PDB file of N, CA and C in Angstrom:
ATOM      1  N   MET A   1      21.935  -0.113   4.909  1.00  0.00           N
ATOM      2  CA  MET A   1      20.432   0.425   4.107  1.00  0.00           C
ATOM      3  C   MET A   1      19.649  -0.864   3.661  1.00  0.00           C
ATOM      4  N   THR A   2      18.251  -0.391   4.391  1.00  0.00           N
ATOM      5  CA  THR A   2      17.220  -1.688   4.185  1.00  0.00           C
ATOM      6  C   THR A   2      16.599  -1.699   3.287  1.00  0.00           C
ATOM      7  N   SER A   3      15.983  -2.740   2.490  1.00  0.00           N
ATOM      8  CA  SER A   3      15.267  -2.880   1.248  1.00  0.00           C
ATOM      9  C   SER A   3      14.070  -2.380   1.530  1.00  0.00           C
ATOM     10  N   ARG A   4      13.482  -1.921   0.326  1.00  0.00           N
ATOM     11  CA  ARG A   4      12.102  -1.257   0.599  1.00  0.00           C
ATOM     12  C   ARG A   4      11.177  -2.604   0.787  1.00  0.00           C
ATOM     13  N   SER A   5       9.971  -2.274   1.729  1.00  0.00           N
ATOM     14  CA  SER A   5       9.004  -3.172   2.379  1.00  0.00           C
ATOM     15  C   SER A   5       8.198  -3.822   0.762  1.00  0.00           C
ATOM     16  N   GLU A   6       7.440  -4.743   1.255  1.00  0.00           N
ATOM     17  CA  GLU A   6       6.445  -5.093   0.107  1.00  0.00           C
ATOM     18  C   GLU A   6       5.764  -4.188  -0.306  1.00  0.00           C
ATOM     19  N   LEU A   7       4.923  -3.782   0.667  1.00  0.00           N
ATOM     20  CA  LEU A   7       4.081  -2.662   0.299  1.00  0.00           C
ATOM     21  C   LEU A   7       4.488  -1.355  -0.148  1.00  0.00           C
ATOM     22  N   ARG A   8       5.788  -1.255   0.180  1.00  0.00           N
ATOM     23  CA  ARG A   8       6.571   0.098  -0.789  1.00  0.00           C
ATOM     24  C   ARG A   8       6.501   0.098  -2.312  1.00  0.00           C
ATOM     25  N   LYS A   9       6.910  -0.948  -2.550  1.00  0.00           N
ATOM     26  CA  LYS A   9       7.087  -1.778  -3.615  1.00  0.00           C
ATOM     27  C   LYS A   9       5.928  -1.534  -4.312  1.00  0.00           C
ATOM     28  N   PHE A  10       4.748  -2.112  -4.078  1.00  0.00           N
ATOM     29  CA  PHE A  10       3.435  -1.795  -4.467  1.00  0.00           C
ATOM     30  C   PHE A  10       3.003  -0.230  -4.854  1.00  0.00           C
ATOM     31  N   ILE A  11       3.126   0.256  -3.727  1.00  0.00           N
ATOM     32  CA  ILE A  11       2.699   1.652  -3.388  1.00  0.00           C
ATOM     33  C   ILE A  11       3.638   2.550  -4.691  1.00  0.00           C
ATOM     34  N   ASP A  12       4.935   2.332  -4.611  1.00  0.00           N
ATOM     35  CA  ASP A  12       5.876   2.942  -5.421  1.00  0.00           C
ATOM     36  C   ASP A  12       5.355   3.145  -6.986  1.00  0.00           C
ATOM     37  N   HIS A  13       5.108   1.382  -7.562  1.00  0.00           N
ATOM     38  CA  HIS A  13       4.582   1.329  -8.599  1.00  0.00           C
ATOM     39  C   HIS A  13       3.449   1.714  -9.105  1.00  0.00           C
ATOM     40  N   HIS A  14       2.577   1.307  -8.329  1.00  0.00           N
ATOM     41  CA  HIS A  14       1.155   2.047  -8.680  1.00  0.00           C
ATOM     42  C   HIS A  14       0.573   3.586  -8.548  1.00  0.00           C
ATOM     43  N   PHE A  15       1.355   4.169  -7.605  1.00  0.00           N
ATOM     44  CA  PHE A  15       0.802   5.249  -7.263  1.00  0.00           C
ATOM     45  C   PHE A  15       2.550   6.495  -7.063  1.00  0.00           C
ATOM     46  N   GLY A  16       3.506   5.928  -7.375  1.00  0.00           N
ATOM     47  CA  GLY A  16       4.727   6.553  -7.722  1.00  0.00           C
ATOM     48  C   GLY A  16       5.245   6.886  -5.971  1.00  0.00           C
ATOM     49  N   GLY A  17       4.629   6.395  -5.262  1.00  0.00           N
ATOM     50  CA  GLY A  17       5.115   6.900  -3.977  1.00  0.00           C
ATOM     51  C   GLY A  17       4.339   7.128  -2.994  1.00  0.00           C
ATOM     52  N   PRO A  18       4.630   7.054  -1.328  1.00  0.00           N
ATOM     53  CA  PRO A  18       3.624   7.137  -0.461  1.00  0.00           C
ATOM     54  C   PRO A  18       2.870   8.594  -0.500  1.00  0.00           C
ATOM     55  N   GLY A  19       3.588   9.653  -0.854  1.00  0.00           N
ATOM     56  CA  GLY A  19       3.076  11.045  -0.964  1.00  0.00           C
ATOM     57  C   GLY A  19       1.926  11.160  -1.938  1.00  0.00           C
ATOM     58  N   ASN A  20       2.155  10.868  -2.914  1.00  0.00           N
ATOM     59  CA  ASN A  20       1.024  10.736  -4.280  1.00  0.00           C
ATOM     60  C   ASN A  20      -0.042   9.938  -3.615  1.00  0.00           C
ATOM     61  N   MET A  21       0.169   8.737  -3.119  1.00  0.00           N
ATOM     62  CA  MET A  21      -1.002   7.733  -2.643  1.00  0.00           C
ATOM     63  C   MET A  21      -1.715   8.563  -1.656  1.00  0.00           C
ATOM     64  N   ALA A  22      -1.073   9.350  -0.886  1.00  0.00           N
ATOM     65  CA  ALA A  22      -1.770  10.039   0.399  1.00  0.00           C
ATOM     66  C   ALA A  22      -2.666  10.896  -0.234  1.00  0.00           C
ATOM     67  N   LYS A  23      -1.988  11.385  -1.149  1.00  0.00           N
ATOM     68  CA  LYS A  23      -3.076  12.518  -1.913  1.00  0.00           C
ATOM     69  C   LYS A  23      -4.299  12.158  -2.559  1.00  0.00           C
ATOM     70  N   ALA A  24      -4.429  11.067  -3.479  1.00  0.00           N
ATOM     71  CA  ALA A  24      -5.123  10.224  -3.934  1.00  0.00           C
ATOM     72  C   ALA A  24      -6.290   9.668  -2.945  1.00  0.00           C
ATOM     73  N   LEU A  25      -5.814   8.990  -1.810  1.00  0.00           N
ATOM     74  CA  LEU A  25      -6.660   8.313  -1.027  1.00  0.00           C
ATOM     75  C   LEU A  25      -7.291   9.719   0.065  1.00  0.00           C
ATOM     76  N   GLY A  26      -6.854  10.881  -0.095  1.00  0.00           N
ATOM     77  CA  GLY A  26      -7.090  11.840   0.852  1.00  0.00           C
ATOM     78  C   GLY A  26      -6.536  11.443   2.453  1.00  0.00           C
ATOM     79  N   LEU A  27      -5.350  10.755   2.519  1.00  0.00           N
ATOM     80  CA  LEU A  27      -4.493  10.524   3.859  1.00  0.00           C
ATOM     81  C   LEU A  27      -3.293  11.400   4.322  1.00  0.00           C
ATOM     82  N   THR A  28      -2.878  11.111   5.037  1.00  0.00           N
ATOM     83  CA  THR A  28      -1.459  11.751   5.318  1.00  0.00           C
ATOM     84  C   THR A  28      -0.311  10.620   4.813  1.00  0.00           C
ATOM     85  N   THR A  29       0.607  11.067   4.492  1.00  0.00           N
ATOM     86  CA  THR A  29       1.993  10.166   4.261  1.00  0.00           C
ATOM     87  C   THR A  29       2.302   9.397   5.699  1.00  0.00           C
ATOM     88  N   ALA A  30       1.935   9.848   6.491  1.00  0.00           N
ATOM     89  CA  ALA A  30       2.240   9.280   7.843  1.00  0.00           C
ATOM     90  C   ALA A  30       1.534   8.053   7.882  1.00  0.00           C
ATOM     91  N   ALA A  31       0.278   8.087   7.723  1.00  0.00           N
ATOM     92  CA  ALA A  31      -0.929   6.897   7.620  1.00  0.00           C
ATOM     93  C   ALA A  31      -0.671   5.968   6.726  1.00  0.00           C
ATOM     94  N   ILE A  32      -0.127   6.372   5.183  1.00  0.00           N
ATOM     95  CA  ILE A  32       0.451   5.296   4.452  1.00  0.00           C
ATOM     96  C   ILE A  32       1.619   4.555   5.236  1.00  0.00           C
ATOM     97  N   LYS A  33       2.556   5.233   5.796  1.00  0.00           N
ATOM     98  CA  LYS A  33       3.649   4.336   6.134  1.00  0.00           C
ATOM     99  C   LYS A  33       3.707   3.824   7.189  1.00  0.00           C
ATOM    100  N   ARG A  34       2.515   3.646   7.849  1.00  0.00           N
ATOM    101  CA  ARG A  34       2.115   2.942   8.945  1.00  0.00           C
ATOM    102  C   ARG A  34       1.589   1.477   8.698  1.00  0.00           C
ATOM    103  N   TRP A  35       1.193   1.461   7.358  1.00  0.00           N
ATOM    104  CA  TRP A  35       0.868   0.316   6.622  1.00  0.00           C
ATOM    105  C   TRP A  35       1.964  -0.884   6.382  1.00  0.00           C
ATOM    106  N   ASP A  36       3.147  -0.321   6.554  1.00  0.00           N
ATOM    107  CA  ASP A  36       4.174  -1.269   6.675  1.00  0.00           C
ATOM    108  C   ASP A  36       4.205  -2.376   8.000  1.00  0.00           C
ATOM    109  N   GLU A  37       3.801  -1.787   9.037  1.00  0.00           N
ATOM    110  CA  GLU A  37       3.647  -2.321  10.456  1.00  0.00           C
ATOM    111  C   GLU A  37       2.506  -3.223  10.529  1.00  0.00           C
ATOM    112  N   THR A  38       1.364  -2.625   9.930  1.00  0.00           N
ATOM    113  CA  THR A  38       0.125  -3.138  10.299  1.00  0.00           C
ATOM    114  C   THR A  38      -0.608  -3.233   8.509  1.00  0.00           C
ATOM    115  N   PRO A  39      -0.097  -3.939   7.748  1.00  0.00           N
ATOM    116  CA  PRO A  39      -0.728  -4.080   6.418  1.00  0.00           C
ATOM    117  C   PRO A  39      -2.322  -4.104   6.046  1.00  0.00           C
ATOM    118  N   GLU A  40      -2.833  -4.662   7.139  1.00  0.00           N
ATOM    119  CA  GLU A  40      -4.480  -5.140   6.989  1.00  0.00           C
ATOM    120  C   GLU A  40      -5.108  -3.556   6.650  1.00  0.00           C
ATOM    121  N   LEU A  41      -4.664  -2.598   7.608  1.00  0.00           N
ATOM    122  CA  LEU A  41      -5.182  -1.202   7.495  1.00  0.00           C
ATOM    123  C   LEU A  41      -5.439  -0.977   5.990  1.00  0.00           C
ATOM    124  N   MET A  42      -4.493  -1.005   5.053  1.00  0.00           N
ATOM    125  CA  MET A  42      -4.689  -0.691   3.691  1.00  0.00           C
ATOM    126  C   MET A  42      -5.738  -1.548   3.135  1.00  0.00           C
ATOM    127  N   LEU A  43      -6.250  -2.283   3.454  1.00  0.00           N
ATOM    128  CA  LEU A  43      -7.861  -3.051   2.832  1.00  0.00           C
ATOM    129  C   LEU A  43      -9.025  -1.967   3.127  1.00  0.00           C
ATOM    130  N   LYS A  44      -8.719  -1.390   3.990  1.00  0.00           N
ATOM    131  CA  LYS A  44      -9.822  -0.450   4.253  1.00  0.00           C
ATOM    132  C   LYS A  44     -10.221   0.394   3.158  1.00  0.00           C
ATOM    133  N   TYR A  45      -9.105   0.426   2.197  1.00  0.00           N
ATOM    134  CA  TYR A  45      -9.126   1.909   0.972  1.00  0.00           C
ATOM    135  C   TYR A  45      -9.178   0.796  -0.080  1.00  0.00           C
ATOM    136  N   LEU A  46      -9.433  -0.308  -0.056  1.00  0.00           N
ATOM    137  CA  LEU A  46      -9.080  -1.554  -1.301  1.00  0.00           C
ATOM    138  C   LEU A  46      -9.652  -0.987  -2.338  1.00  0.00           C
ATOM    139  N   LEU A  47     -11.387  -0.459  -2.082  1.00  0.00           N
ATOM    140  CA  LEU A  47     -11.984  -0.251  -3.612  1.00  0.00           C
ATOM    141  C   LEU A  47     -11.497   1.461  -3.916  1.00  0.00           C
ATOM    142  N   GLN A  48     -11.113   1.875  -2.855  1.00  0.00           N
ATOM    143  CA  GLN A  48     -10.492   3.629  -3.711  1.00  0.00           C
ATOM    144  C   GLN A  48      -9.406   3.308  -4.444  1.00  0.00           C
ATOM    145  N   ILE A  49      -8.210   2.199  -3.875  1.00  0.00           N
ATOM    146  CA  ILE A  49      -6.963   2.010  -4.494  1.00  0.00           C
ATOM    147  C   ILE A  49      -7.752   1.454  -5.916  1.00  0.00           C
ATOM    148  N   THR A  50      -8.377   0.273  -6.001  1.00  0.00           N
ATOM    149  CA  THR A  50      -8.702  -0.190  -7.274  1.00  0.00           C
ATOM    150  C   THR A  50      -9.180   0.688  -8.240  1.00  0.00           C
ATOM    151  N   ASP A  51     -10.102   1.849  -7.782  1.00  0.00           N
ATOM    152  CA  ASP A  51     -10.467   2.627  -8.276  1.00  0.00           C
ATOM    153  C   ASP A  51      -9.603   3.720  -8.910  1.00  0.00           C
ATOM    154  N   VAL A  52      -8.641   4.333  -8.222  1.00  0.00           N
ATOM    155  CA  VAL A  52      -7.614   5.221  -8.943  1.00  0.00           C
ATOM    156  C   VAL A  52      -6.472   4.323  -9.581  1.00  0.00           C
ATOM    157  N   THR A  53      -6.240   3.325  -9.348  1.00  0.00           N
ATOM    158  CA  THR A  53      -5.149   2.621 -10.293  1.00  0.00           C
ATOM    159  C   THR A  53      -5.766   1.755 -11.419  1.00  0.00           C
ATOM    160  N   LYS A  54      -5.010   0.872 -11.542  1.00  0.00           N
ATOM    161  CA  LYS A  54      -5.149  -0.420 -12.570  1.00  0.00           C
ATOM    162  C   LYS A  54      -4.896  -1.627 -12.255  1.00  0.00           C
ATOM    163  N   CYS A  55      -4.944  -1.581 -10.601  1.00  0.00           N
ATOM    164  CA  CYS A  55      -4.694  -2.832 -10.003  1.00  0.00           C
ATOM    165  C   CYS A  55      -6.057  -3.333  -9.823  1.00  0.00           C
ATOM    166  N   THR A  56      -5.730  -4.812  -9.401  1.00  0.00           N
ATOM    167  CA  THR A  56      -7.004  -5.742  -9.236  1.00  0.00           C
ATOM    168  C   THR A  56      -7.492  -5.780  -7.730  1.00  0.00           C
ATOM    169  N   VAL A  57      -8.152  -5.853  -7.154  1.00  0.00           N
ATOM    170  CA  VAL A  57      -8.642  -6.401  -5.929  1.00  0.00           C
ATOM    171  C   VAL A  57      -7.631  -7.402  -5.435  1.00  0.00           C
ATOM    172  N   MET A  58      -7.173  -8.497  -6.263  1.00  0.00           N
ATOM    173  CA  MET A  58      -6.176  -9.314  -5.956  1.00  0.00           C
ATOM    174  C   MET A  58      -4.755  -8.745  -5.878  1.00  0.00           C
ATOM    175  N   ASP A  59      -4.468  -7.942  -6.678  1.00  0.00           N
ATOM    176  CA  ASP A  59      -3.131  -7.310  -6.511  1.00  0.00           C
ATOM    177  C   ASP A  59      -3.025  -6.516  -5.460  1.00  0.00           C
ATOM    178  N   VAL A  60      -3.828  -5.783  -4.499  1.00  0.00           N
ATOM    179  CA  VAL A  60      -4.040  -5.157  -3.432  1.00  0.00           C
ATOM    180  C   VAL A  60      -3.842  -6.260  -2.084  1.00  0.00           C
ATOM    181  N   VAL A  61      -4.777  -7.541  -2.323  1.00  0.00           N
ATOM    182  CA  VAL A  61      -4.525  -8.595  -1.216  1.00  0.00           C
ATOM    183  C   VAL A  61      -3.327  -9.388  -1.445  1.00  0.00           C
ATOM    184  N   GLU A  62      -2.508  -9.229  -2.562  1.00  0.00           N
ATOM    185  CA  GLU A  62      -1.407 -10.158  -2.454  1.00  0.00           C
ATOM    186  C   GLU A  62      -0.256  -9.418  -1.834  1.00  0.00           C
ATOM    187  N   ALA A  63      -0.408  -7.668  -2.201  1.00  0.00           N
ATOM    188  CA  ALA A  63       0.693  -6.979  -1.307  1.00  0.00           C
ATOM    189  C   ALA A  63       0.443  -6.995  -0.253  1.00  0.00           C
ATOM    190  N   VAL A  64      -0.940  -7.213   0.579  1.00  0.00           N
ATOM    191  CA  VAL A  64      -1.121  -7.005   2.448  1.00  0.00           C
ATOM    192  C   VAL A  64      -0.384  -8.483   2.393  1.00  0.00           C
ATOM    193  N   GLU A  65      -0.635  -9.321   1.980  1.00  0.00           N
ATOM    194  CA  GLU A  65      -0.137 -10.728   2.492  1.00  0.00           C
ATOM    195  C   GLU A  65       1.253 -10.926   2.641  1.00  0.00           C
ATOM    196  N   ALA A  66       1.867 -10.456   1.465  1.00  0.00           N
ATOM    197  CA  ALA A  66       3.317 -10.479   1.109  1.00  0.00           C
ATOM    198  C   ALA A  66       3.948  -9.592   2.314  1.00  0.00           C
ATOM    199  N   GLN A  67       3.830  -8.302   2.906  1.00  0.00           N
ATOM    200  CA  GLN A  67       3.931  -7.890   3.556  1.00  0.00           C
ATOM    201  C   GLN A  67       4.070  -8.206   5.099  1.00  0.00           C
ATOM    202  N   LYS A  68       2.522  -8.910   5.427  1.00  0.00           N
ATOM    203  CA  LYS A  68       2.352  -9.667   6.541  1.00  0.00           C
ATOM    204  C   LYS A  68       3.437 -10.972   6.599  1.00  0.00           C
ATOM    205  N   LYS A  69       3.536 -11.436   5.717  1.00  0.00           N
ATOM    206  CA  LYS A  69       4.551 -12.394   5.595  1.00  0.00           C
ATOM    207  C   LYS A  69       6.097 -12.059   5.701  1.00  0.00           C
ATOM    208  N   ALA A  70       6.322 -11.024   5.395  1.00  0.00           N
ATOM    209  CA  ALA A  70       7.860 -10.187   5.385  1.00  0.00           C
ATOM    210  C   ALA A  70       7.836  -9.639   7.012  1.00  0.00           C
ATOM    211  N   ASN A  71       6.614  -9.113   7.432  1.00  0.00           N
ATOM    212  CA  ASN A  71       6.659  -8.914   9.048  1.00  0.00           C
ATOM    213  C   ASN A  71       6.981 -10.096   9.802  1.00  0.00           C
ATOM    214  N   GLY A  72       6.553 -11.231   9.443  1.00  0.00           N
ATOM    215  CA  GLY A  72       7.021 -12.472  10.180  1.00  0.00           C
ATOM    216  C   GLY A  72       5.488 -12.316  11.318  1.00  0.00           C
TER     217      GLY A  72
END
């Protein structure tokens, strides 16, 4: 069993899961899940994410950086 990715932890905490995030941002769940491999893509939606949640720009950037580090 694999552990959740760094981005998945962020998504679960702020949105309750990739499906909810996809719905909130007008994306597909598959698009959200692809961010595990290419976390920089999440930054395109930075303002939408901060508008929908109570997280800050730095929260999002830190999640992206943590995933990049985890990816190696």
